[in-house]
Amino acid sequence: MIRPSFGRRIVSEDRLGLLYAEHNSWLKGWIYRRLGCTSQAADLAQDTFLRILSSQRKTGERLSLDSPRAYLATVGQRLICDYFRRHSLERAYLDMLATVPETFSLSPEEQWELRETLYQLDALLDRLKPVVRTVFLLAQLDGLTYLQIARQLGIGERSVKRHMATAFEACILWEIEQ
């Protein structure tokens, strides 16, 4: 029989199964109250535990939590934000596809590839600091010069160059990861 450990410390990677057994139902309910969809809540709860496991494997650190529900809520909240951002991005993508003339329509495979690329690009941009992301988007999407960006944001042109270098470095590293 598994006993709840609400106040007890959960230690080591071996305890992830116990953490799951003790808190998965609570986490699904917590996410459901934010999304209103039981299947999506179940998916995001599962993704929460997968993200914790993945993080442990990457860092080699052992799971040690004083407040497991607060930790799960933090990871879950990030996944909910990702879900809404992805959902919004997909809606914008589908709206854009609806405006494309039929002669230029994409095959289902091309649509899928484009959508996946957009998700990856969104994840890349999300990893950047807000000012770096803003500078990058102003230069790449709006076509502003570094001087125009500096004036618009109230920063020095040298800072704009530094932020662009950071953004380009992130793009290069992302390309290498792919």
C-alpha atoms as a PDB file:
ATOM      1  CA  MET A   1       0.000   0.000   0.000  1.00  0.00           C
ATOM      2  CA  ILE A   2       1.309   3.435  -0.921  1.00  0.00           C
ATOM      3  CA  ARG A   3       0.888   6.048   1.745  1.00  0.00           C
ATOM      4  CA  PRO A   4       0.614   9.752   1.016  1.00  0.00           C
ATOM      5  CA  SER A   5       3.724  11.817   1.692  1.00  0.00           C
ATOM      6  CA  PHE A   6       2.287  15.295   1.763  1.00  0.00           C
ATOM      7  CA  GLY A   7       4.855  16.665   4.182  1.00  0.00           C
ATOM      8  CA  ARG A   8       7.561  14.048   3.786  1.00  0.00           C
ATOM      9  CA  ARG A   9      10.656  14.550   1.629  1.00  0.00           C
ATOM     10  CA  ILE A  10      10.764  12.526  -1.597  1.00  0.00           C
ATOM     11  CA  VAL A  11      14.337  11.586  -2.449  1.00  0.00           C
ATOM     12  CA  SER A  12      16.067  10.079  -5.511  1.00  0.00           C
ATOM     13  CA  GLU A  13      15.156   9.220  -9.048  1.00  0.00           C
ATOM     14  CA  ASP A  14      13.727   5.907  -7.800  1.00  0.00           C
ATOM     15  CA  ARG A  15      10.989   7.903  -6.119  1.00  0.00           C
ATOM     16  CA  LEU A  16       9.516   9.259  -9.355  1.00  0.00           C
ATOM     17  CA  GLY A  17       7.131   6.289  -9.449  1.00  0.00           C
ATOM     18  CA  LEU A  18       6.034   7.063  -5.905  1.00  0.00           C
ATOM     19  CA  LEU A  19       5.640  10.740  -6.762  1.00  0.00           C
ATOM     20  CA  TYR A  20       3.491   9.717  -9.726  1.00  0.00           C
ATOM     21  CA  ALA A  21       1.372   7.308  -7.674  1.00  0.00           C
ATOM     22  CA  GLU A  22       0.792   9.828  -4.905  1.00  0.00           C
ATOM     23  CA  HIS A  23       0.195  12.987  -6.907  1.00  0.00           C
ATOM     24  CA  ASN A  24      -0.889  12.133 -10.471  1.00  0.00           C
ATOM     25  CA  SER A  25      -4.619  12.293  -9.675  1.00  0.00           C
ATOM     26  CA  TRP A  26      -4.174  15.605  -7.886  1.00  0.00           C
ATOM     27  CA  LEU A  27      -2.128  16.996 -10.792  1.00  0.00           C
ATOM     28  CA  LYS A  28      -4.718  15.937 -13.385  1.00  0.00           C
ATOM     29  CA  GLY A  29      -7.418  17.694 -11.340  1.00  0.00           C
ATOM     30  CA  TRP A  30      -5.260  20.786 -10.953  1.00  0.00           C
ATOM     31  CA  ILE A  31      -4.638  20.978 -14.706  1.00  0.00           C
ATOM     32  CA  TYR A  32      -8.296  20.191 -15.496  1.00  0.00           C
ATOM     33  CA  ARG A  33      -9.409  23.212 -13.464  1.00  0.00           C
ATOM     34  CA  ARG A  34      -7.239  25.376 -15.717  1.00  0.00           C
ATOM     35  CA  LEU A  35      -8.123  23.786 -19.072  1.00  0.00           C
ATOM     36  CA  GLY A  36     -11.577  22.271 -18.599  1.00  0.00           C
ATOM     37  CA  CYS A  37     -10.677  19.199 -20.669  1.00  0.00           C
ATOM     38  CA  THR A  38     -10.067  15.832 -18.999  1.00  0.00           C
ATOM     39  CA  SER A  39      -8.116  14.276 -21.864  1.00  0.00           C
ATOM     40  CA  GLN A  40      -5.832  17.291 -22.232  1.00  0.00           C
ATOM     41  CA  ALA A  41      -5.361  17.377 -18.445  1.00  0.00           C
ATOM     42  CA  ALA A  42      -4.339  13.711 -18.486  1.00  0.00           C
ATOM     43  CA  ASP A  43      -1.902  14.334 -21.361  1.00  0.00           C
ATOM     44  CA  LEU A  44      -0.298  17.334 -19.680  1.00  0.00           C
ATOM     45  CA  ALA A  45      -0.059  15.525 -16.329  1.00  0.00           C
ATOM     46  CA  GLN A  46       1.750  12.682 -18.101  1.00  0.00           C
ATOM     47  CA  ASP A  47       3.999  15.187 -19.881  1.00  0.00           C
ATOM     48  CA  THR A  48       4.812  16.759 -16.508  1.00  0.00           C
ATOM     49  CA  PHE A  49       6.250  13.491 -15.217  1.00  0.00           C
ATOM     50  CA  LEU A  50       8.041  12.854 -18.514  1.00  0.00           C
ATOM     51  CA  ARG A  51       9.636  16.300 -18.318  1.00  0.00           C
ATOM     52  CA  ILE A  52      10.824  15.585 -14.762  1.00  0.00           C
ATOM     53  CA  LEU A  53      12.259  12.234 -15.847  1.00  0.00           C
ATOM     54  CA  SER A  54      13.944  13.790 -18.868  1.00  0.00           C
ATOM     55  CA  SER A  55      15.428  16.540 -16.727  1.00  0.00           C
ATOM     56  CA  GLN A  56      16.796  13.988 -14.274  1.00  0.00           C
ATOM     57  CA  ARG A  57      18.396  12.011 -17.061  1.00  0.00           C
ATOM     58  CA  LYS A  58      19.987  15.118 -18.590  1.00  0.00           C
ATOM     59  CA  THR A  59      21.365  16.540 -15.361  1.00  0.00           C
ATOM     60  CA  GLY A  60      21.987  13.303 -13.497  1.00  0.00           C
ATOM     61  CA  GLU A  61      20.509  14.922 -10.397  1.00  0.00           C
ATOM     62  CA  ARG A  62      18.364  12.919  -8.032  1.00  0.00           C
ATOM     63  CA  LEU A  63      14.789  13.915  -7.319  1.00  0.00           C
ATOM     64  CA  SER A  64      14.563  15.596  -3.934  1.00  0.00           C
ATOM     65  CA  LEU A  65      11.453  17.573  -3.156  1.00  0.00           C
ATOM     66  CA  ASP A  66      10.228  19.216  -0.005  1.00  0.00           C
ATOM     67  CA  SER A  67       6.996  20.369  -1.677  1.00  0.00           C
ATOM     68  CA  PRO A  68       6.140  17.888  -4.437  1.00  0.00           C
ATOM     69  CA  ARG A  69       2.804  19.484  -5.340  1.00  0.00           C
ATOM     70  CA  ALA A  70       4.320  22.951  -5.682  1.00  0.00           C
ATOM     71  CA  TYR A  71       7.028  21.489  -7.918  1.00  0.00           C
ATOM     72  CA  LEU A  72       4.490  19.577 -10.030  1.00  0.00           C
ATOM     73  CA  ALA A  73       2.322  22.696 -10.304  1.00  0.00           C
ATOM     74  CA  THR A  74       5.308  24.737 -11.506  1.00  0.00           C
ATOM     75  CA  VAL A  75       6.237  22.201 -14.184  1.00  0.00           C
ATOM     76  CA  GLY A  76       2.559  21.731 -15.068  1.00  0.00           C
ATOM     77  CA  GLN A  77       2.011  25.491 -15.389  1.00  0.00           C
ATOM     78  CA  ARG A  78       4.893  25.727 -17.846  1.00  0.00           C
ATOM     79  CA  LEU A  79       3.370  22.940 -19.914  1.00  0.00           C
ATOM     80  CA  ILE A  80      -0.018  24.673 -19.841  1.00  0.00           C
ATOM     81  CA  CYS A  81       1.636  27.857 -21.145  1.00  0.00           C
ATOM     82  CA  ASP A  82       3.331  25.819 -23.878  1.00  0.00           C
ATOM     83  CA  TYR A  83      -0.016  24.239 -24.727  1.00  0.00           C
ATOM     84  CA  PHE A  84      -1.778  27.598 -25.077  1.00  0.00           C
ATOM     85  CA  ARG A  85       1.088  29.091 -27.071  1.00  0.00           C
ATOM     86  CA  ARG A  86       1.157  26.064 -29.373  1.00  0.00           C
ATOM     87  CA  HIS A  87      -2.636  26.141 -29.735  1.00  0.00           C
ATOM     88  CA  SER A  88      -2.523  29.853 -30.588  1.00  0.00           C
ATOM     89  CA  LEU A  89       0.267  29.289 -33.092  1.00  0.00           C
ATOM     90  CA  GLU A  90      -1.674  26.469 -34.724  1.00  0.00           C
ATOM     91  CA  ARG A  91      -4.802  28.630 -34.987  1.00  0.00           C
ATOM     92  CA  ALA A  92      -2.803  31.404 -36.647  1.00  0.00           C
ATOM     93  CA  TYR A  93      -1.239  28.861 -38.994  1.00  0.00           C
ATOM     94  CA  LEU A  94      -4.640  27.434 -39.967  1.00  0.00           C
ATOM     95  CA  ASP A  95      -6.020  30.949 -40.496  1.00  0.00           C
ATOM     96  CA  MET A  96      -3.081  31.704 -42.777  1.00  0.00           C
ATOM     97  CA  LEU A  97      -3.637  28.474 -44.725  1.00  0.00           C
ATOM     98  CA  ALA A  98      -7.276  29.439 -45.278  1.00  0.00           C
ATOM     99  CA  THR A  99      -6.147  32.593 -47.108  1.00  0.00           C
ATOM    100  CA  VAL A 100      -3.756  30.790 -49.483  1.00  0.00           C
ATOM    101  CA  PRO A 101      -5.182  30.398 -52.994  1.00  0.00           C
ATOM    102  CA  GLU A 102      -5.897  26.787 -53.919  1.00  0.00           C
ATOM    103  CA  THR A 103      -3.241  26.819 -56.661  1.00  0.00           C
ATOM    104  CA  PHE A 104      -0.582  27.398 -53.966  1.00  0.00           C
ATOM    105  CA  SER A 105      -1.974  24.959 -51.411  1.00  0.00           C
ATOM    106  CA  LEU A 106       0.416  22.627 -49.641  1.00  0.00           C
ATOM    107  CA  SER A 107       0.193  18.859 -49.428  1.00  0.00           C
ATOM    108  CA  PRO A 108      -0.673  17.416 -45.993  1.00  0.00           C
ATOM    109  CA  GLU A 109       2.983  16.399 -45.562  1.00  0.00           C
ATOM    110  CA  GLU A 110       4.194  19.905 -46.396  1.00  0.00           C
ATOM    111  CA  GLN A 111       1.625  21.376 -44.010  1.00  0.00           C
ATOM    112  CA  TRP A 112       2.831  19.062 -41.245  1.00  0.00           C
ATOM    113  CA  GLU A 113       6.491  19.933 -41.899  1.00  0.00           C
ATOM    114  CA  LEU A 114       5.710  23.649 -41.895  1.00  0.00           C
ATOM    115  CA  ARG A 115       3.706  23.362 -38.667  1.00  0.00           C
ATOM    116  CA  GLU A 116       6.509  21.405 -36.955  1.00  0.00           C
ATOM    117  CA  THR A 117       9.049  24.003 -38.085  1.00  0.00           C
ATOM    118  CA  LEU A 118       6.857  26.760 -36.645  1.00  0.00           C
ATOM    119  CA  TYR A 119       6.659  24.906 -33.313  1.00  0.00           C
ATOM    120  CA  GLN A 120      10.434  24.497 -33.238  1.00  0.00           C
ATOM    121  CA  LEU A 121      10.965  28.154 -34.113  1.00  0.00           C
ATOM    122  CA  ASP A 122       8.504  29.169 -31.402  1.00  0.00           C
ATOM    123  CA  ALA A 123      10.405  27.023 -28.876  1.00  0.00           C
ATOM    124  CA  LEU A 124      13.690  28.594 -29.992  1.00  0.00           C
ATOM    125  CA  LEU A 125      12.343  32.129 -29.625  1.00  0.00           C
ATOM    126  CA  ASP A 126      10.857  31.265 -26.238  1.00  0.00           C
ATOM    127  CA  ARG A 127      14.323  30.328 -24.950  1.00  0.00           C
ATOM    128  CA  LEU A 128      15.666  33.802 -25.724  1.00  0.00           C
ATOM    129  CA  LYS A 129      15.552  36.614 -23.200  1.00  0.00           C
ATOM    130  CA  PRO A 130      12.636  38.942 -23.979  1.00  0.00           C
ATOM    131  CA  VAL A 131      14.827  41.844 -25.130  1.00  0.00           C
ATOM    132  CA  VAL A 132      16.903  39.541 -27.380  1.00  0.00           C
ATOM    133  CA  ARG A 133      13.726  38.070 -28.872  1.00  0.00           C
ATOM    134  CA  THR A 134      12.256  41.538 -29.452  1.00  0.00           C
ATOM    135  CA  VAL A 135      15.423  42.831 -31.113  1.00  0.00           C
ATOM    136  CA  PHE A 136      15.642  39.736 -33.306  1.00  0.00           C
ATOM    137  CA  LEU A 137      11.998  39.935 -34.404  1.00  0.00           C
ATOM    138  CA  LEU A 138      12.194  43.669 -35.110  1.00  0.00           C
ATOM    139  CA  ALA A 139      15.203  43.072 -37.342  1.00  0.00           C
ATOM    140  CA  GLN A 140      14.026  39.896 -39.048  1.00  0.00           C
ATOM    141  CA  LEU A 141      10.286  40.447 -39.384  1.00  0.00           C
ATOM    142  CA  ASP A 142       9.932  44.225 -39.430  1.00  0.00           C
ATOM    143  CA  GLY A 143      13.175  44.808 -41.309  1.00  0.00           C
ATOM    144  CA  LEU A 144      14.315  47.595 -38.984  1.00  0.00           C
ATOM    145  CA  THR A 145      17.934  48.672 -38.950  1.00  0.00           C
ATOM    146  CA  TYR A 146      19.963  48.351 -35.763  1.00  0.00           C
ATOM    147  CA  LEU A 147      19.780  52.115 -35.287  1.00  0.00           C
ATOM    148  CA  GLN A 148      15.976  52.097 -35.675  1.00  0.00           C
ATOM    149  CA  ILE A 149      15.684  49.229 -33.184  1.00  0.00           C
ATOM    150  CA  ALA A 150      17.943  51.024 -30.719  1.00  0.00           C
ATOM    151  CA  ARG A 151      15.840  54.166 -30.917  1.00  0.00           C
ATOM    152  CA  GLN A 152      12.555  52.279 -30.653  1.00  0.00           C
ATOM    153  CA  LEU A 153      13.679  50.313 -27.590  1.00  0.00           C
ATOM    154  CA  GLY A 154      15.684  53.107 -25.993  1.00  0.00           C
ATOM    155  CA  ILE A 155      18.928  51.125 -25.937  1.00  0.00           C
ATOM    156  CA  GLY A 156      22.304  51.613 -27.574  1.00  0.00           C
ATOM    157  CA  GLU A 157      23.083  50.376 -31.049  1.00  0.00           C
ATOM    158  CA  ARG A 158      25.924  48.356 -29.550  1.00  0.00           C
ATOM    159  CA  SER A 159      23.399  46.556 -27.325  1.00  0.00           C
ATOM    160  CA  VAL A 160      21.281  45.782 -30.388  1.00  0.00           C
ATOM    161  CA  LYS A 161      24.335  44.236 -32.081  1.00  0.00           C
ATOM    162  CA  ARG A 162      25.085  42.182 -28.976  1.00  0.00           C
ATOM    163  CA  HIS A 163      21.469  40.970 -28.741  1.00  0.00           C
ATOM    164  CA  MET A 164      21.434  40.056 -32.443  1.00  0.00           C
ATOM    165  CA  ALA A 165      24.671  38.107 -32.003  1.00  0.00           C
ATOM    166  CA  THR A 166      23.071  36.216 -29.117  1.00  0.00           C
ATOM    167  CA  ALA A 167      19.996  35.458 -31.235  1.00  0.00           C
ATOM    168  CA  PHE A 168      22.071  34.312 -34.209  1.00  0.00           C
ATOM    169  CA  GLU A 169      24.155  32.106 -31.937  1.00  0.00           C
ATOM    170  CA  ALA A 170      20.957  30.504 -30.602  1.00  0.00           C
ATOM    171  CA  CYS A 171      19.779  29.923 -34.190  1.00  0.00           C
ATOM    172  CA  ILE A 172      23.072  28.285 -35.153  1.00  0.00           C
ATOM    173  CA  LEU A 173      23.075  26.058 -32.073  1.00  0.00           C
ATOM    174  CA  TRP A 174      19.457  25.116 -32.763  1.00  0.00           C
ATOM    175  CA  GLU A 175      20.362  24.173 -36.332  1.00  0.00           C
ATOM    176  CA  ILE A 176      23.221  21.998 -35.057  1.00  0.00           C
ATOM    177  CA  GLU A 177      20.827  20.236 -32.635  1.00  0.00           C
ATOM    178  CA  GLN A 178      18.482  19.388 -35.502  1.00  0.00           C
END
